[in-house]
Amino acid sequence: MKKLFLCALAALAIVACKQAPKAETTEDTTDAAAEKTLVAYFSATGTTQAAAELLAQALEAEVFRIEPVEPYTEDDLNWRDSLSRSSVEMKDIKARPAIKALPVDLRQYKKIYLGFPIWWGVAPRVINTFIEESEFADVTIVPFATSGGSEIDEASKALAETYTNLTFESGRLLNDATPADIEAWVKGE
């Protein structure tokens, strides 16, 4: 019985040690990694989140939500109150609200679509925190935004002028964008 068990064990070991020949692939894994896309976004009320999810779906991209350590309340977002948190942050060009953890490794992405609501004509300061705490390598950033009245041009320009070491493409305002609108944008139509 012992011999039978040892023979069976030896046979299993031999089978386990045999490796099937590796399939040859024409795809270079470094090229595949170089093409990875991320949709990173900050959304205080859910409007930008909805656009980000549609964009990620159209791009078949991974999604990362930029979350401040201290979430914004309705009172914090009251732009009519000069003492509200968002008003105070936006008046201070050096304000950098703390954010929760970053994605594991942003260097793996070739293109990052960066979404945010437009506050006072520019990206919220939490976007600056995200950019400054991230490690990018040869990445292209494509801004997208939602807004109650501002266009994205000034916000995109301000980011590109602040972070001259990064490559920015033209941004897009995605207010009330449909899946078809987003699909057309990502296809360059």
N, C-alpha and C. Protein backbone atom coordinates (compact mmCIF):
# COMPACT_ATOMS: atom_id res chain seq x y z
N MET A 1 0.82 -1.18 0.00
CA MET A 1 0.00 0.00 0.00
C MET A 1 0.87 1.25 0.00
N LYS A 2 1.93 1.18 0.83
CA LYS A 2 2.85 2.30 0.90
C LYS A 2 3.52 2.54 -0.45
N LYS A 3 3.91 1.43 -1.12
CA LYS A 3 4.56 1.55 -2.42
C LYS A 3 3.60 2.14 -3.45
N LEU A 4 2.36 1.72 -3.39
CA LEU A 4 1.37 2.25 -4.32
C LEU A 4 1.18 3.75 -4.11
N PHE A 5 1.13 4.16 -2.84
CA PHE A 5 0.99 5.58 -2.52
C PHE A 5 2.19 6.37 -3.01
N LEU A 6 3.41 5.85 -2.78
CA LEU A 6 4.62 6.54 -3.21
C LEU A 6 4.70 6.62 -4.73
N CYS A 7 4.26 5.56 -5.42
CA CYS A 7 4.26 5.58 -6.88
C CYS A 7 3.28 6.63 -7.40
N ALA A 8 2.10 6.70 -6.77
CA ALA A 8 1.11 7.69 -7.19
C ALA A 8 1.63 9.10 -6.94
N LEU A 9 2.27 9.29 -5.81
CA LEU A 9 2.84 10.59 -5.47
C LEU A 9 3.93 10.98 -6.47
N ALA A 10 4.79 10.02 -6.82
CA ALA A 10 5.85 10.28 -7.79
C ALA A 10 5.26 10.61 -9.16
N ALA A 11 4.21 9.92 -9.54
CA ALA A 11 3.58 10.20 -10.83
C ALA A 11 2.99 11.60 -10.85
N LEU A 12 2.36 11.99 -9.75
CA LEU A 12 1.83 13.35 -9.65
C LEU A 12 2.93 14.38 -9.74
N ALA A 13 4.05 14.11 -9.10
CA ALA A 13 5.17 15.04 -9.12
C ALA A 13 5.71 15.20 -10.54
N ILE A 14 5.79 14.11 -11.26
CA ILE A 14 6.30 14.16 -12.63
C ILE A 14 5.34 14.97 -13.50
N VAL A 15 4.05 14.72 -13.35
CA VAL A 15 3.06 15.45 -14.15
C VAL A 15 3.11 16.94 -13.80
N ALA A 16 3.23 17.23 -12.51
CA ALA A 16 3.26 18.64 -12.08
C ALA A 16 4.51 19.35 -12.59
N CYS A 17 5.60 18.64 -12.70
CA CYS A 17 6.85 19.26 -13.15
C CYS A 17 6.86 19.51 -14.66
N LYS A 18 6.10 18.72 -15.38
CA LYS A 18 6.05 18.94 -16.82
C LYS A 18 5.34 20.25 -17.09
N GLN A 19 5.93 21.04 -17.91
CA GLN A 19 5.30 22.32 -18.25
C GLN A 19 4.87 22.27 -19.70
N ALA A 20 3.67 22.77 -19.90
CA ALA A 20 3.20 22.86 -21.27
C ALA A 20 4.02 23.91 -21.98
N PRO A 21 4.30 23.70 -23.25
CA PRO A 21 5.07 24.73 -23.96
C PRO A 21 4.33 26.06 -23.91
N LYS A 22 5.09 27.12 -23.76
CA LYS A 22 4.50 28.45 -23.71
C LYS A 22 3.98 28.82 -25.08
N ALA A 23 2.76 29.35 -25.05
CA ALA A 23 2.18 29.80 -26.31
C ALA A 23 2.87 31.08 -26.73
N GLU A 24 3.19 31.14 -28.00
CA GLU A 24 3.82 32.35 -28.50
C GLU A 24 2.74 33.39 -28.72
N THR A 25 3.06 34.61 -28.32
CA THR A 25 2.10 35.69 -28.54
C THR A 25 2.77 36.75 -29.40
N THR A 26 1.95 37.39 -30.16
CA THR A 26 2.46 38.48 -30.99
C THR A 26 2.36 39.80 -30.24
N GLU A 27 1.65 39.77 -29.10
CA GLU A 27 1.45 40.99 -28.33
C GLU A 27 2.60 41.19 -27.36
N ASP A 28 3.20 42.33 -27.41
CA ASP A 28 4.26 42.69 -26.47
C ASP A 28 3.60 43.24 -25.22
N THR A 29 3.83 42.59 -24.07
CA THR A 29 3.15 43.00 -22.85
C THR A 29 3.56 44.40 -22.42
N THR A 30 4.75 44.84 -22.77
CA THR A 30 5.12 46.21 -22.41
C THR A 30 4.31 47.21 -23.23
N ASP A 31 4.00 46.86 -24.48
CA ASP A 31 3.17 47.74 -25.29
C ASP A 31 1.75 47.78 -24.75
N ALA A 32 1.25 46.62 -24.32
CA ALA A 32 -0.11 46.58 -23.76
C ALA A 32 -0.17 47.44 -22.50
N ALA A 33 0.83 47.37 -21.67
CA ALA A 33 0.84 48.18 -20.45
C ALA A 33 0.96 49.65 -20.79
N ALA A 34 1.70 49.94 -21.86
CA ALA A 34 1.89 51.33 -22.24
C ALA A 34 0.60 51.97 -22.72
N GLU A 35 -0.35 51.18 -23.13
CA GLU A 35 -1.61 51.70 -23.65
C GLU A 35 -2.69 51.81 -22.58
N LYS A 36 -2.38 51.50 -21.34
CA LYS A 36 -3.40 51.54 -20.28
C LYS A 36 -3.90 52.96 -20.07
N THR A 37 -5.20 53.05 -19.84
CA THR A 37 -5.86 54.33 -19.63
C THR A 37 -6.58 54.32 -18.29
N LEU A 38 -6.54 55.46 -17.62
CA LEU A 38 -7.22 55.62 -16.34
C LEU A 38 -8.14 56.82 -16.41
N VAL A 39 -9.31 56.69 -15.85
CA VAL A 39 -10.21 57.82 -15.65
C VAL A 39 -10.17 58.11 -14.15
N ALA A 40 -9.54 59.23 -13.80
CA ALA A 40 -9.46 59.66 -12.40
C ALA A 40 -10.34 60.90 -12.27
N TYR A 41 -11.14 60.95 -11.22
CA TYR A 41 -12.05 62.08 -11.11
C TYR A 41 -12.31 62.44 -9.66
N PHE A 42 -12.67 63.70 -9.46
CA PHE A 42 -13.19 64.19 -8.19
C PHE A 42 -14.60 64.66 -8.46
N SER A 43 -15.52 64.25 -7.61
CA SER A 43 -16.91 64.66 -7.74
C SER A 43 -17.46 64.97 -6.36
N ALA A 44 -17.93 66.19 -6.16
CA ALA A 44 -18.47 66.58 -4.86
C ALA A 44 -19.95 66.25 -4.74
N THR A 45 -20.67 66.25 -5.85
CA THR A 45 -22.12 66.05 -5.79
C THR A 45 -22.61 64.86 -6.61
N GLY A 46 -21.74 64.22 -7.36
CA GLY A 46 -22.13 63.08 -8.18
C GLY A 46 -22.24 63.40 -9.66
N THR A 47 -22.27 64.66 -10.03
CA THR A 47 -22.41 65.05 -11.43
C THR A 47 -21.18 64.63 -12.24
N THR A 48 -20.00 64.95 -11.74
CA THR A 48 -18.77 64.58 -12.46
C THR A 48 -18.58 63.06 -12.42
N GLN A 49 -19.00 62.43 -11.35
CA GLN A 49 -18.90 60.97 -11.25
C GLN A 49 -19.69 60.30 -12.38
N ALA A 50 -20.89 60.78 -12.65
CA ALA A 50 -21.71 60.20 -13.71
C ALA A 50 -21.00 60.31 -15.06
N ALA A 51 -20.41 61.46 -15.33
CA ALA A 51 -19.66 61.64 -16.59
C ALA A 51 -18.44 60.73 -16.63
N ALA A 52 -17.75 60.61 -15.50
CA ALA A 52 -16.55 59.76 -15.43
C ALA A 52 -16.89 58.30 -15.70
N GLU A 53 -17.99 57.84 -15.16
CA GLU A 53 -18.38 56.44 -15.37
C GLU A 53 -18.72 56.17 -16.82
N LEU A 54 -19.41 57.11 -17.47
CA LEU A 54 -19.71 56.95 -18.90
C LEU A 54 -18.43 56.96 -19.73
N LEU A 55 -17.51 57.84 -19.37
CA LEU A 55 -16.23 57.94 -20.08
C LEU A 55 -15.43 56.66 -19.92
N ALA A 56 -15.34 56.16 -18.70
CA ALA A 56 -14.59 54.92 -18.45
C ALA A 56 -15.18 53.76 -19.24
N GLN A 57 -16.49 53.72 -19.32
CA GLN A 57 -17.16 52.67 -20.08
C GLN A 57 -16.82 52.78 -21.57
N ALA A 58 -16.85 53.98 -22.11
CA ALA A 58 -16.54 54.18 -23.52
C ALA A 58 -15.09 53.83 -23.83
N LEU A 59 -14.20 54.12 -22.89
CA LEU A 59 -12.77 53.88 -23.09
C LEU A 59 -12.34 52.47 -22.69
N GLU A 60 -13.25 51.75 -22.00
CA GLU A 60 -12.90 50.47 -21.38
C GLU A 60 -11.68 50.67 -20.48
N ALA A 61 -11.75 51.73 -19.69
CA ALA A 61 -10.63 52.13 -18.83
C ALA A 61 -10.92 51.84 -17.36
N GLU A 62 -9.86 51.81 -16.60
CA GLU A 62 -9.99 51.69 -15.15
C GLU A 62 -10.43 53.04 -14.61
N VAL A 63 -11.05 53.02 -13.43
CA VAL A 63 -11.57 54.23 -12.82
C VAL A 63 -10.99 54.40 -11.43
N PHE A 64 -10.66 55.66 -11.10
CA PHE A 64 -10.20 55.98 -9.75
C PHE A 64 -10.89 57.25 -9.28
N ARG A 65 -11.52 57.15 -8.12
CA ARG A 65 -12.18 58.32 -7.54
C ARG A 65 -11.22 59.03 -6.61
N ILE A 66 -10.99 60.31 -6.86
CA ILE A 66 -10.16 61.14 -5.99
C ILE A 66 -11.05 61.59 -4.84
N GLU A 67 -10.71 61.15 -3.65
CA GLU A 67 -11.55 61.46 -2.49
C GLU A 67 -10.78 62.28 -1.47
N PRO A 68 -11.32 63.42 -1.07
CA PRO A 68 -10.67 64.17 0.00
C PRO A 68 -10.82 63.41 1.31
N VAL A 69 -9.84 63.54 2.17
CA VAL A 69 -9.91 62.89 3.49
C VAL A 69 -11.17 63.38 4.21
N GLU A 70 -11.41 64.66 4.12
CA GLU A 70 -12.61 65.25 4.71
C GLU A 70 -13.61 65.54 3.58
N PRO A 71 -14.66 64.74 3.46
CA PRO A 71 -15.64 64.96 2.38
C PRO A 71 -16.27 66.35 2.48
N TYR A 72 -16.66 66.88 1.34
CA TYR A 72 -17.31 68.18 1.29
C TYR A 72 -18.79 68.04 1.65
N THR A 73 -19.25 68.89 2.53
CA THR A 73 -20.67 68.92 2.88
C THR A 73 -21.37 69.95 1.99
N GLU A 74 -22.68 69.98 2.07
CA GLU A 74 -23.43 70.97 1.31
C GLU A 74 -23.00 72.39 1.72
N ASP A 75 -22.80 72.62 3.02
CA ASP A 75 -22.35 73.93 3.49
C ASP A 75 -20.96 74.27 2.95
N ASP A 76 -20.08 73.26 2.87
CA ASP A 76 -18.73 73.48 2.34
C ASP A 76 -18.76 73.95 0.89
N LEU A 77 -19.79 73.54 0.16
CA LEU A 77 -19.88 73.83 -1.27
C LEU A 77 -20.65 75.10 -1.59
N ASN A 78 -21.09 75.81 -0.58
CA ASN A 78 -21.88 77.02 -0.79
C ASN A 78 -20.98 78.15 -1.31
N TRP A 79 -20.95 78.31 -2.62
CA TRP A 79 -20.06 79.30 -3.24
C TRP A 79 -20.49 80.73 -2.95
N ARG A 80 -21.70 80.91 -2.46
CA ARG A 80 -22.17 82.27 -2.11
C ARG A 80 -21.68 82.71 -0.74
N ASP A 81 -21.18 81.75 0.04
CA ASP A 81 -20.66 82.04 1.38
C ASP A 81 -19.14 82.16 1.28
N SER A 82 -18.62 83.35 1.48
CA SER A 82 -17.17 83.56 1.34
C SER A 82 -16.37 82.82 2.40
N LEU A 83 -17.04 82.31 3.43
CA LEU A 83 -16.34 81.56 4.48
C LEU A 83 -16.53 80.06 4.36
N SER A 84 -17.22 79.63 3.29
CA SER A 84 -17.39 78.18 3.11
C SER A 84 -16.04 77.56 2.77
N ARG A 85 -15.93 76.29 3.04
CA ARG A 85 -14.66 75.59 2.80
C ARG A 85 -14.18 75.74 1.36
N SER A 86 -15.07 75.54 0.40
CA SER A 86 -14.65 75.63 -1.00
C SER A 86 -14.24 77.05 -1.36
N SER A 87 -14.94 78.04 -0.83
CA SER A 87 -14.57 79.45 -1.10
C SER A 87 -13.19 79.76 -0.55
N VAL A 88 -12.94 79.33 0.68
CA VAL A 88 -11.65 79.59 1.32
C VAL A 88 -10.53 78.89 0.55
N GLU A 89 -10.75 77.62 0.17
CA GLU A 89 -9.72 76.89 -0.57
C GLU A 89 -9.43 77.55 -1.93
N MET A 90 -10.46 77.96 -2.62
CA MET A 90 -10.26 78.50 -3.95
C MET A 90 -9.62 79.89 -3.93
N LYS A 91 -9.76 80.61 -2.82
CA LYS A 91 -9.09 81.91 -2.69
C LYS A 91 -7.60 81.74 -2.42
N ASP A 92 -7.22 80.58 -1.89
CA ASP A 92 -5.83 80.31 -1.53
C ASP A 92 -5.20 79.41 -2.60
N ILE A 93 -4.40 80.02 -3.46
CA ILE A 93 -3.79 79.27 -4.57
C ILE A 93 -2.91 78.12 -4.08
N LYS A 94 -2.46 78.18 -2.83
CA LYS A 94 -1.59 77.13 -2.29
C LYS A 94 -2.35 76.08 -1.48
N ALA A 95 -3.66 76.20 -1.38
CA ALA A 95 -4.46 75.22 -0.64
C ALA A 95 -4.35 73.85 -1.31
N ARG A 96 -4.13 72.83 -0.53
CA ARG A 96 -4.04 71.46 -1.03
C ARG A 96 -4.77 70.54 -0.05
N PRO A 97 -6.07 70.37 -0.25
CA PRO A 97 -6.82 69.48 0.65
C PRO A 97 -6.26 68.06 0.58
N ALA A 98 -6.13 67.44 1.75
CA ALA A 98 -5.60 66.07 1.81
C ALA A 98 -6.56 65.12 1.11
N ILE A 99 -5.97 64.14 0.41
CA ILE A 99 -6.78 63.13 -0.26
C ILE A 99 -6.45 61.75 0.30
N LYS A 100 -7.39 60.84 0.10
CA LYS A 100 -7.18 59.45 0.50
C LYS A 100 -6.16 58.84 -0.45
N ALA A 101 -5.87 57.58 -0.27
CA ALA A 101 -4.83 56.88 -1.01
C ALA A 101 -4.93 57.05 -2.53
N LEU A 102 -3.78 57.08 -3.16
CA LEU A 102 -3.67 57.13 -4.62
C LEU A 102 -3.76 55.72 -5.18
N PRO A 103 -4.02 55.58 -6.49
CA PRO A 103 -3.95 54.26 -7.10
C PRO A 103 -2.56 53.67 -6.89
N VAL A 104 -2.45 52.38 -6.98
CA VAL A 104 -1.20 51.69 -6.69
C VAL A 104 -0.01 52.29 -7.43
N ASP A 105 -0.09 52.44 -8.72
CA ASP A 105 1.04 52.95 -9.48
C ASP A 105 0.54 53.67 -10.73
N LEU A 106 0.55 54.96 -10.69
CA LEU A 106 0.06 55.74 -11.84
C LEU A 106 1.01 55.68 -13.03
N ARG A 107 2.25 55.25 -12.81
CA ARG A 107 3.21 55.19 -13.91
C ARG A 107 2.84 54.13 -14.94
N GLN A 108 1.91 53.25 -14.60
CA GLN A 108 1.52 52.19 -15.54
C GLN A 108 0.55 52.69 -16.62
N TYR A 109 0.07 53.92 -16.48
CA TYR A 109 -0.91 54.44 -17.43
C TYR A 109 -0.24 55.36 -18.43
N LYS A 110 -0.66 55.25 -19.67
CA LYS A 110 -0.14 56.11 -20.73
C LYS A 110 -0.99 57.37 -20.86
N LYS A 111 -2.28 57.25 -20.54
CA LYS A 111 -3.19 58.38 -20.65
C LYS A 111 -4.10 58.38 -19.43
N ILE A 112 -4.27 59.57 -18.84
CA ILE A 112 -5.16 59.73 -17.70
C ILE A 112 -6.16 60.82 -18.04
N TYR A 113 -7.43 60.44 -18.05
CA TYR A 113 -8.51 61.40 -18.19
C TYR A 113 -8.80 61.90 -16.78
N LEU A 114 -8.67 63.20 -16.56
CA LEU A 114 -8.77 63.78 -15.23
C LEU A 114 -10.02 64.65 -15.15
N GLY A 115 -10.98 64.21 -14.34
CA GLY A 115 -12.27 64.89 -14.26
C GLY A 115 -12.51 65.63 -12.97
N PHE A 116 -13.27 66.72 -13.09
CA PHE A 116 -13.56 67.56 -11.93
C PHE A 116 -14.70 68.53 -12.25
N PRO A 117 -15.37 69.01 -11.21
CA PRO A 117 -16.30 70.11 -11.42
C PRO A 117 -15.47 71.40 -11.49
N ILE A 118 -15.91 72.37 -12.25
CA ILE A 118 -15.17 73.63 -12.32
C ILE A 118 -15.64 74.53 -11.19
N TRP A 119 -14.69 74.97 -10.39
CA TRP A 119 -14.96 75.87 -9.27
C TRP A 119 -14.22 77.17 -9.53
N TRP A 120 -14.89 78.28 -9.52
CA TRP A 120 -14.28 79.59 -9.71
C TRP A 120 -13.45 79.63 -11.00
N GLY A 121 -13.92 78.94 -12.02
CA GLY A 121 -13.29 78.96 -13.33
C GLY A 121 -12.14 77.99 -13.52
N VAL A 122 -11.74 77.29 -12.45
CA VAL A 122 -10.61 76.36 -12.54
C VAL A 122 -10.93 75.04 -11.84
N ALA A 123 -9.97 74.14 -11.85
CA ALA A 123 -10.14 72.86 -11.15
C ALA A 123 -10.09 73.09 -9.64
N PRO A 124 -10.86 72.34 -8.86
CA PRO A 124 -10.77 72.45 -7.40
C PRO A 124 -9.36 72.13 -6.93
N ARG A 125 -8.96 72.69 -5.81
CA ARG A 125 -7.60 72.50 -5.28
C ARG A 125 -7.27 71.03 -5.01
N VAL A 126 -8.29 70.22 -4.79
CA VAL A 126 -8.05 68.79 -4.56
C VAL A 126 -7.42 68.14 -5.79
N ILE A 127 -7.67 68.70 -6.97
CA ILE A 127 -7.03 68.20 -8.20
C ILE A 127 -5.53 68.51 -8.16
N ASN A 128 -5.18 69.69 -7.66
CA ASN A 128 -3.75 70.01 -7.50
C ASN A 128 -3.09 69.02 -6.55
N THR A 129 -3.78 68.67 -5.47
CA THR A 129 -3.23 67.69 -4.53
C THR A 129 -2.96 66.38 -5.25
N PHE A 130 -3.93 65.91 -6.02
CA PHE A 130 -3.80 64.65 -6.75
C PHE A 130 -2.59 64.69 -7.69
N ILE A 131 -2.48 65.75 -8.46
CA ILE A 131 -1.37 65.85 -9.41
C ILE A 131 -0.03 65.89 -8.68
N GLU A 132 0.05 66.69 -7.64
CA GLU A 132 1.32 66.87 -6.94
C GLU A 132 1.74 65.66 -6.12
N GLU A 133 0.81 64.83 -5.70
CA GLU A 133 1.15 63.64 -4.93
C GLU A 133 1.35 62.42 -5.80
N SER A 134 1.12 62.55 -7.09
CA SER A 134 1.21 61.41 -8.01
C SER A 134 2.56 61.38 -8.71
N GLU A 135 2.94 60.17 -9.09
CA GLU A 135 4.15 59.99 -9.89
C GLU A 135 3.70 59.62 -11.30
N PHE A 136 3.98 60.50 -12.23
CA PHE A 136 3.62 60.26 -13.62
C PHE A 136 4.90 60.05 -14.42
N ALA A 137 4.84 59.16 -15.39
CA ALA A 137 5.97 58.96 -16.29
C ALA A 137 5.43 58.88 -17.72
N ASP A 138 5.78 59.86 -18.52
CA ASP A 138 5.36 59.86 -19.92
C ASP A 138 3.84 59.67 -20.07
N VAL A 139 3.10 60.39 -19.28
CA VAL A 139 1.65 60.27 -19.32
C VAL A 139 1.05 61.51 -19.98
N THR A 140 -0.04 61.32 -20.67
CA THR A 140 -0.80 62.43 -21.22
C THR A 140 -2.06 62.57 -20.39
N ILE A 141 -2.35 63.80 -19.97
CA ILE A 141 -3.53 64.07 -19.16
C ILE A 141 -4.57 64.78 -20.02
N VAL A 142 -5.77 64.25 -19.99
CA VAL A 142 -6.88 64.83 -20.74
C VAL A 142 -7.93 65.28 -19.73
N PRO A 143 -8.05 66.58 -19.51
CA PRO A 143 -9.05 67.05 -18.55
C PRO A 143 -10.47 66.90 -19.10
N PHE A 144 -11.39 66.64 -18.19
CA PHE A 144 -12.82 66.74 -18.52
C PHE A 144 -13.51 67.29 -17.29
N ALA A 145 -14.60 67.98 -17.51
CA ALA A 145 -15.23 68.66 -16.38
C ALA A 145 -16.73 68.77 -16.55
N THR A 146 -17.36 69.15 -15.46
CA THR A 146 -18.77 69.53 -15.45
C THR A 146 -18.82 70.91 -14.81
N SER A 147 -19.82 71.69 -15.21
CA SER A 147 -19.89 73.05 -14.68
C SER A 147 -21.29 73.62 -14.85
N GLY A 148 -21.65 74.49 -13.91
CA GLY A 148 -22.93 75.16 -13.99
C GLY A 148 -22.89 76.39 -14.87
N GLY A 149 -21.70 76.84 -15.27
CA GLY A 149 -21.66 78.04 -16.09
C GLY A 149 -20.32 78.33 -16.73
N SER A 150 -19.27 77.65 -16.33
CA SER A 150 -17.93 77.91 -16.88
C SER A 150 -17.61 76.95 -18.00
N GLU A 151 -16.75 77.40 -18.89
CA GLU A 151 -16.20 76.52 -19.93
C GLU A 151 -14.93 75.88 -19.38
N ILE A 152 -14.43 74.86 -20.04
CA ILE A 152 -13.27 74.14 -19.54
C ILE A 152 -11.94 74.77 -19.99
N ASP A 153 -11.96 75.64 -20.98
CA ASP A 153 -10.72 76.17 -21.54
C ASP A 153 -9.80 76.79 -20.49
N GLU A 154 -10.33 77.66 -19.65
CA GLU A 154 -9.51 78.32 -18.64
C GLU A 154 -8.98 77.33 -17.61
N ALA A 155 -9.81 76.37 -17.22
CA ALA A 155 -9.38 75.37 -16.25
C ALA A 155 -8.26 74.51 -16.82
N SER A 156 -8.40 74.09 -18.07
CA SER A 156 -7.35 73.29 -18.73
C SER A 156 -6.06 74.09 -18.87
N LYS A 157 -6.20 75.34 -19.28
CA LYS A 157 -5.04 76.22 -19.46
C LYS A 157 -4.32 76.43 -18.13
N ALA A 158 -5.07 76.64 -17.05
CA ALA A 158 -4.45 76.85 -15.73
C ALA A 158 -3.67 75.61 -15.29
N LEU A 159 -4.21 74.43 -15.53
CA LEU A 159 -3.49 73.20 -15.17
C LEU A 159 -2.20 73.08 -15.98
N ALA A 160 -2.29 73.29 -17.29
CA ALA A 160 -1.12 73.17 -18.15
C ALA A 160 -0.05 74.19 -17.79
N GLU A 161 -0.45 75.39 -17.41
CA GLU A 161 0.52 76.42 -17.02
C GLU A 161 1.13 76.16 -15.66
N THR A 162 0.38 75.52 -14.77
CA THR A 162 0.90 75.20 -13.43
C THR A 162 1.83 74.00 -13.47
N TYR A 163 1.51 73.02 -14.30
CA TYR A 163 2.29 71.78 -14.35
C TYR A 163 2.93 71.65 -15.73
N THR A 164 3.93 72.47 -15.97
CA THR A 164 4.58 72.53 -17.29
C THR A 164 5.38 71.26 -17.60
N ASN A 165 5.66 70.45 -16.59
CA ASN A 165 6.40 69.21 -16.80
C ASN A 165 5.49 68.08 -17.29
N LEU A 166 4.19 68.32 -17.34
CA LEU A 166 3.24 67.30 -17.78
C LEU A 166 2.66 67.66 -19.15
N THR A 167 2.18 66.65 -19.85
CA THR A 167 1.57 66.85 -21.16
C THR A 167 0.06 66.82 -21.01
N PHE A 168 -0.58 67.90 -21.46
CA PHE A 168 -2.03 67.99 -21.41
C PHE A 168 -2.59 68.06 -22.82
N GLU A 169 -3.70 67.35 -23.04
CA GLU A 169 -4.45 67.49 -24.28
C GLU A 169 -5.62 68.43 -24.00
N SER A 170 -6.30 68.85 -25.04
CA SER A 170 -7.47 69.70 -24.88
C SER A 170 -8.52 68.97 -24.06
N GLY A 171 -9.18 69.72 -23.21
CA GLY A 171 -10.21 69.14 -22.36
C GLY A 171 -11.58 69.23 -22.99
N ARG A 172 -12.53 68.65 -22.29
CA ARG A 172 -13.91 68.64 -22.79
C ARG A 172 -14.86 68.82 -21.61
N LEU A 173 -15.84 69.66 -21.80
CA LEU A 173 -16.91 69.84 -20.83
C LEU A 173 -17.96 68.76 -21.10
N LEU A 174 -18.32 68.00 -20.09
CA LEU A 174 -19.24 66.88 -20.28
C LEU A 174 -20.57 67.07 -19.55
N ASN A 175 -21.05 68.30 -19.53
CA ASN A 175 -22.37 68.55 -18.93
C ASN A 175 -23.43 67.78 -19.69
N ASP A 176 -24.21 67.01 -18.98
CA ASP A 176 -25.32 66.27 -19.59
C ASP A 176 -24.91 65.45 -20.80
N ALA A 177 -23.68 65.00 -20.84
CA ALA A 177 -23.20 64.22 -21.99
C ALA A 177 -23.88 62.85 -22.01
N THR A 178 -24.25 62.43 -23.19
CA THR A 178 -24.85 61.11 -23.37
C THR A 178 -23.73 60.12 -23.70
N PRO A 179 -24.01 58.84 -23.59
CA PRO A 179 -23.00 57.86 -24.01
C PRO A 179 -22.55 58.08 -25.46
N ALA A 180 -23.47 58.48 -26.32
CA ALA A 180 -23.12 58.74 -27.73
C ALA A 180 -22.19 59.94 -27.85
N ASP A 181 -22.43 60.99 -27.06
CA ASP A 181 -21.55 62.17 -27.07
C ASP A 181 -20.13 61.79 -26.66
N ILE A 182 -20.05 61.02 -25.61
CA ILE A 182 -18.73 60.62 -25.09
C ILE A 182 -18.03 59.69 -26.06
N GLU A 183 -18.77 58.77 -26.62
CA GLU A 183 -18.21 57.84 -27.61
C GLU A 183 -17.63 58.62 -28.79
N ALA A 184 -18.35 59.61 -29.26
CA ALA A 184 -17.87 60.44 -30.38
C ALA A 184 -16.60 61.20 -29.98
N TRP A 185 -16.55 61.72 -28.76
CA TRP A 185 -15.36 62.44 -28.30
C TRP A 185 -14.14 61.54 -28.27
N VAL A 186 -14.27 60.36 -27.66
CA VAL A 186 -13.10 59.50 -27.53
C VAL A 186 -12.65 58.93 -28.88
N LYS A 187 -13.56 58.90 -29.84
CA LYS A 187 -13.18 58.45 -31.18
C LYS A 187 -12.66 59.60 -32.03
N GLY A 188 -12.69 60.82 -31.48
CA GLY A 188 -12.17 61.97 -32.20
C GLY A 188 -13.13 62.53 -33.23
N GLU A 189 -14.40 62.25 -33.08
CA GLU A 189 -15.38 62.74 -34.06
C GLU A 189 -15.88 64.11 -33.71
